[in-house]
Amino acid sequence: MAHCNTILSQLAAFFPRHDFEKLATQYHQGQKFRSFNRWSQFMAMMIAQLTGRKSL
């Protein structure tokens, strides 16, 4: 069975998760996240941006 990456996974590869988390903890200010972690929120915002959503 052939393996193929989705477009979303190819786009996410441009943002290494380790580097993303390091920058997020360095520059994070404000309240703690309630249900989403930083990476999940970033991915949700990226999907929303790519699909042209008005809000989450």
PDB file of N, CA and C in Angstrom:
ATOM      1  N   MET A   1       0.839  -1.172   0.000  1.00  0.00           N
ATOM      2  CA  MET A   1       0.000   0.000   0.000  1.00  0.00           C
ATOM      3  C   MET A   1       0.892   1.245   0.000  1.00  0.00           C
ATOM      4  N   ALA A   2       0.598   2.165  -0.874  1.00  0.00           N
ATOM      5  CA  ALA A   2       1.404   3.374  -1.009  1.00  0.00           C
ATOM      6  C   ALA A   2       1.104   4.349   0.127  1.00  0.00           C
ATOM      7  N   HIS A   3       2.140   5.065   0.528  1.00  0.00           N
ATOM      8  CA  HIS A   3       1.997   6.076   1.572  1.00  0.00           C
ATOM      9  C   HIS A   3       2.150   7.454   0.942  1.00  0.00           C
ATOM     10  N   CYS A   4       1.223   8.345   1.239  1.00  0.00           N
ATOM     11  CA  CYS A   4       1.355   9.705   0.736  1.00  0.00           C
ATOM     12  C   CYS A   4       0.997  10.687   1.853  1.00  0.00           C
ATOM     13  N   ASN A   5       1.725  11.774   1.908  1.00  0.00           N
ATOM     14  CA  ASN A   5       1.482  12.798   2.914  1.00  0.00           C
ATOM     15  C   ASN A   5       0.380  13.730   2.442  1.00  0.00           C
ATOM     16  N   THR A   6      -0.395  14.211   3.385  1.00  0.00           N
ATOM     17  CA  THR A   6      -1.419  15.191   3.041  1.00  0.00           C
ATOM     18  C   THR A   6      -0.774  16.558   2.873  1.00  0.00           C
ATOM     19  N   ILE A   7      -1.487  17.447   2.240  1.00  0.00           N
ATOM     20  CA  ILE A   7      -0.982  18.811   2.066  1.00  0.00           C
ATOM     21  C   ILE A   7      -0.786  19.477   3.421  1.00  0.00           C
ATOM     22  N   LEU A   8      -1.712  19.199   4.346  1.00  0.00           N
ATOM     23  CA  LEU A   8      -1.596  19.783   5.677  1.00  0.00           C
ATOM     24  C   LEU A   8      -0.335  19.316   6.393  1.00  0.00           C
ATOM     25  N   SER A   9      -0.013  18.047   6.294  1.00  0.00           N
ATOM     26  CA  SER A   9       1.206  17.561   6.941  1.00  0.00           C
ATOM     27  C   SER A   9       2.457  18.117   6.276  1.00  0.00           C
ATOM     28  N   GLN A  10       2.401  18.344   4.967  1.00  0.00           N
ATOM     29  CA  GLN A  10       3.536  18.952   4.277  1.00  0.00           C
ATOM     30  C   GLN A  10       3.720  20.401   4.707  1.00  0.00           C
ATOM     31  N   LEU A  11       2.618  21.130   4.904  1.00  0.00           N
ATOM     32  CA  LEU A  11       2.716  22.510   5.383  1.00  0.00           C
ATOM     33  C   LEU A  11       3.187  22.564   6.831  1.00  0.00           C
ATOM     34  N   ALA A  12       2.723  21.639   7.657  1.00  0.00           N
ATOM     35  CA  ALA A  12       3.128  21.603   9.064  1.00  0.00           C
ATOM     36  C   ALA A  12       4.614  21.286   9.199  1.00  0.00           C
ATOM     37  N   ALA A  13       5.188  20.617   8.201  1.00  0.00           N
ATOM     38  CA  ALA A  13       6.608  20.284   8.244  1.00  0.00           C
ATOM     39  C   ALA A  13       7.493  21.528   8.162  1.00  0.00           C
ATOM     40  N   PHE A  14       6.955  22.632   7.651  1.00  0.00           N
ATOM     41  CA  PHE A  14       7.719  23.879   7.603  1.00  0.00           C
ATOM     42  C   PHE A  14       7.916  24.478   8.982  1.00  0.00           C
ATOM     43  N   PHE A  15       7.107  24.063   9.945  1.00  0.00           N
ATOM     44  CA  PHE A  15       7.161  24.594  11.307  1.00  0.00           C
ATOM     45  C   PHE A  15       7.523  23.455  12.256  1.00  0.00           C
ATOM     46  N   PRO A  16       8.801  23.238  12.520  1.00  0.00           N
ATOM     47  CA  PRO A  16       9.175  22.161  13.441  1.00  0.00           C
ATOM     48  C   PRO A  16       8.521  22.379  14.806  1.00  0.00           C
ATOM     49  N   ARG A  17       7.877  21.339  15.307  1.00  0.00           N
ATOM     50  CA  ARG A  17       7.112  21.475  16.554  1.00  0.00           C
ATOM     51  C   ARG A  17       7.997  21.846  17.730  1.00  0.00           C
ATOM     52  N   HIS A  18       9.202  21.306  17.792  1.00  0.00           N
ATOM     53  CA  HIS A  18      10.113  21.617  18.893  1.00  0.00           C
ATOM     54  C   HIS A  18      10.451  23.110  18.905  1.00  0.00           C
ATOM     55  N   ASP A  19      10.782  23.654  17.747  1.00  0.00           N
ATOM     56  CA  ASP A  19      11.098  25.082  17.658  1.00  0.00           C
ATOM     57  C   ASP A  19       9.871  25.937  17.956  1.00  0.00           C
ATOM     58  N   PHE A  20       8.714  25.498  17.489  1.00  0.00           N
ATOM     59  CA  PHE A  20       7.468  26.220  17.747  1.00  0.00           C
ATOM     60  C   PHE A  20       7.187  26.292  19.244  1.00  0.00           C
ATOM     61  N   GLU A  21       7.309  25.160  19.937  1.00  0.00           N
ATOM     62  CA  GLU A  21       7.049  25.135  21.379  1.00  0.00           C
ATOM     63  C   GLU A  21       8.065  25.983  22.135  1.00  0.00           C
ATOM     64  N   LYS A  22       9.309  25.970  21.694  1.00  0.00           N
ATOM     65  CA  LYS A  22      10.341  26.772  22.345  1.00  0.00           C
ATOM     66  C   LYS A  22      10.024  28.264  22.226  1.00  0.00           C
ATOM     67  N   LEU A  23       9.641  28.704  21.033  1.00  0.00           N
ATOM     68  CA  LEU A  23       9.281  30.107  20.841  1.00  0.00           C
ATOM     69  C   LEU A  23       7.991  30.463  21.571  1.00  0.00           C
ATOM     70  N   ALA A  24       7.049  29.543  21.604  1.00  0.00           N
ATOM     71  CA  ALA A  24       5.779  29.807  22.275  1.00  0.00           C
ATOM     72  C   ALA A  24       5.981  30.006  23.773  1.00  0.00           C
ATOM     73  N   THR A  25       6.813  29.192  24.392  1.00  0.00           N
ATOM     74  CA  THR A  25       7.049  29.364  25.826  1.00  0.00           C
ATOM     75  C   THR A  25       7.875  30.619  26.099  1.00  0.00           C
ATOM     76  N   GLN A  26       8.728  30.985  25.165  1.00  0.00           N
ATOM     77  CA  GLN A  26       9.553  32.177  25.349  1.00  0.00           C
ATOM     78  C   GLN A  26       8.725  33.450  25.255  1.00  0.00           C
ATOM     79  N   TYR A  27       7.781  33.509  24.336  1.00  0.00           N
ATOM     80  CA  TYR A  27       7.042  34.738  24.084  1.00  0.00           C
ATOM     81  C   TYR A  27       5.596  34.726  24.581  1.00  0.00           C
ATOM     82  N   HIS A  28       5.169  33.626  25.212  1.00  0.00           N
ATOM     83  CA  HIS A  28       3.778  33.544  25.669  1.00  0.00           C
ATOM     84  C   HIS A  28       3.528  34.502  26.826  1.00  0.00           C
ATOM     85  N   GLN A  29       2.462  35.267  26.711  1.00  0.00           N
ATOM     86  CA  GLN A  29       2.010  36.138  27.778  1.00  0.00           C
ATOM     87  C   GLN A  29       0.505  36.031  27.841  1.00  0.00           C
ATOM     88  N   GLY A  30      -0.047  36.129  29.013  1.00  0.00           N
ATOM     89  CA  GLY A  30      -1.492  36.091  29.135  1.00  0.00           C
ATOM     90  C   GLY A  30      -1.985  34.859  29.859  1.00  0.00           C
ATOM     91  N   GLN A  31      -3.237  34.523  29.615  1.00  0.00           N
ATOM     92  CA  GLN A  31      -3.878  33.427  30.319  1.00  0.00           C
ATOM     93  C   GLN A  31      -3.410  32.078  29.804  1.00  0.00           C
ATOM     94  N   LYS A  32      -3.616  31.065  30.629  1.00  0.00           N
ATOM     95  CA  LYS A  32      -3.309  29.699  30.209  1.00  0.00           C
ATOM     96  C   LYS A  32      -4.373  29.216  29.247  1.00  0.00           C
ATOM     97  N   PHE A  33      -4.011  28.240  28.433  1.00  0.00           N
ATOM     98  CA  PHE A  33      -4.961  27.654  27.496  1.00  0.00           C
ATOM     99  C   PHE A  33      -5.891  26.714  28.255  1.00  0.00           C
ATOM    100  N   ARG A  34      -7.133  26.688  27.852  1.00  0.00           N
ATOM    101  CA  ARG A  34      -8.101  25.861  28.559  1.00  0.00           C
ATOM    102  C   ARG A  34      -8.248  24.480  27.937  1.00  0.00           C
ATOM    103  N   SER A  35      -8.544  24.401  26.655  1.00  0.00           N
ATOM    104  CA  SER A  35      -8.781  23.093  26.063  1.00  0.00           C
ATOM    105  C   SER A  35      -7.763  22.738  24.982  1.00  0.00           C
ATOM    106  N   PHE A  36      -7.248  23.703  24.266  1.00  0.00           N
ATOM    107  CA  PHE A  36      -6.263  23.441  23.227  1.00  0.00           C
ATOM    108  C   PHE A  36      -4.863  23.740  23.753  1.00  0.00           C
ATOM    109  N   ASN A  37      -3.903  22.947  23.327  1.00  0.00           N
ATOM    110  CA  ASN A  37      -2.527  23.346  23.592  1.00  0.00           C
ATOM    111  C   ASN A  37      -2.087  24.280  22.463  1.00  0.00           C
ATOM    112  N   ARG A  38      -0.902  24.808  22.535  1.00  0.00           N
ATOM    113  CA  ARG A  38      -0.460  25.816  21.559  1.00  0.00           C
ATOM    114  C   ARG A  38      -0.407  25.247  20.147  1.00  0.00           C
ATOM    115  N   TRP A  39       0.106  24.034  20.011  1.00  0.00           N
ATOM    116  CA  TRP A  39       0.242  23.428  18.687  1.00  0.00           C
ATOM    117  C   TRP A  39      -1.123  23.153  18.060  1.00  0.00           C
ATOM    118  N   SER A  40      -2.052  22.642  18.854  1.00  0.00           N
ATOM    119  CA  SER A  40      -3.399  22.361  18.334  1.00  0.00           C
ATOM    120  C   SER A  40      -4.097  23.646  17.917  1.00  0.00           C
ATOM    121  N   GLN A  41      -3.916  24.691  18.698  1.00  0.00           N
ATOM    122  CA  GLN A  41      -4.520  25.972  18.347  1.00  0.00           C
ATOM    123  C   GLN A  41      -3.895  26.527  17.068  1.00  0.00           C
ATOM    124  N   PHE A  42      -2.584  26.397  16.937  1.00  0.00           N
ATOM    125  CA  PHE A  42      -1.911  26.854  15.722  1.00  0.00           C
ATOM    126  C   PHE A  42      -2.396  26.090  14.501  1.00  0.00           C
ATOM    127  N   MET A  43      -2.531  24.767  14.627  1.00  0.00           N
ATOM    128  CA  MET A  43      -2.999  23.959  13.506  1.00  0.00           C
ATOM    129  C   MET A  43      -4.446  24.312  13.145  1.00  0.00           C
ATOM    130  N   ALA A  44      -5.287  24.542  14.141  1.00  0.00           N
ATOM    131  CA  ALA A  44      -6.678  24.925  13.874  1.00  0.00           C
ATOM    132  C   ALA A  44      -6.733  26.271  13.162  1.00  0.00           C
ATOM    133  N   MET A  45      -5.895  27.211  13.582  1.00  0.00           N
ATOM    134  CA  MET A  45      -5.865  28.520  12.935  1.00  0.00           C
ATOM    135  C   MET A  45      -5.314  28.404  11.509  1.00  0.00           C
ATOM    136  N   MET A  46      -4.337  27.539  11.300  1.00  0.00           N
ATOM    137  CA  MET A  46      -3.788  27.367   9.958  1.00  0.00           C
ATOM    138  C   MET A  46      -4.828  26.732   9.029  1.00  0.00           C
ATOM    139  N   ILE A  47      -5.552  25.738   9.505  1.00  0.00           N
ATOM    140  CA  ILE A  47      -6.610  25.120   8.700  1.00  0.00           C
ATOM    141  C   ILE A  47      -7.693  26.136   8.374  1.00  0.00           C
ATOM    142  N   ALA A  48      -8.078  26.928   9.379  1.00  0.00           N
ATOM    143  CA  ALA A  48      -9.110  27.942   9.159  1.00  0.00           C
ATOM    144  C   ALA A  48      -8.653  28.969   8.128  1.00  0.00           C
ATOM    145  N   GLN A  49      -7.405  29.373   8.195  1.00  0.00           N
ATOM    146  CA  GLN A  49      -6.870  30.347   7.249  1.00  0.00           C
ATOM    147  C   GLN A  49      -6.842  29.766   5.832  1.00  0.00           C
ATOM    148  N   LEU A  50      -6.406  28.515   5.714  1.00  0.00           N
ATOM    149  CA  LEU A  50      -6.303  27.889   4.396  1.00  0.00           C
ATOM    150  C   LEU A  50      -7.664  27.636   3.756  1.00  0.00           C
ATOM    151  N   THR A  51      -8.667  27.377   4.569  1.00  0.00           N
ATOM    152  CA  THR A  51      -9.991  27.086   4.026  1.00  0.00           C
ATOM    153  C   THR A  51     -10.887  28.327   3.961  1.00  0.00           C
ATOM    154  N   GLY A  52     -10.360  29.474   4.372  1.00  0.00           N
ATOM    155  CA  GLY A  52     -11.098  30.725   4.235  1.00  0.00           C
ATOM    156  C   GLY A  52     -12.234  30.899   5.230  1.00  0.00           C
ATOM    157  N   ARG A  53     -12.083  30.350   6.417  1.00  0.00           N
ATOM    158  CA  ARG A  53     -13.133  30.489   7.434  1.00  0.00           C
ATOM    159  C   ARG A  53     -13.118  31.895   8.027  1.00  0.00           C
ATOM    160  N   LYS A  54     -14.272  32.322   8.468  1.00  0.00           N
ATOM    161  CA  LYS A  54     -14.387  33.648   9.105  1.00  0.00           C
ATOM    162  C   LYS A  54     -14.085  33.589  10.588  1.00  0.00           C
ATOM    163  N   SER A  55     -14.382  32.452  11.224  1.00  0.00           N
ATOM    164  CA  SER A  55     -14.116  32.288  12.652  1.00  0.00           C
ATOM    165  C   SER A  55     -13.983  30.818  12.978  1.00  0.00           C
ATOM    166  N   LEU A  56     -13.523  30.528  14.178  1.00  0.00           N
ATOM    167  CA  LEU A  56     -13.407  29.137  14.587  1.00  0.00           C
ATOM    168  C   LEU A  56     -14.716  28.640  15.136  1.00  0.00           C
TER     169      LEU A  56
END
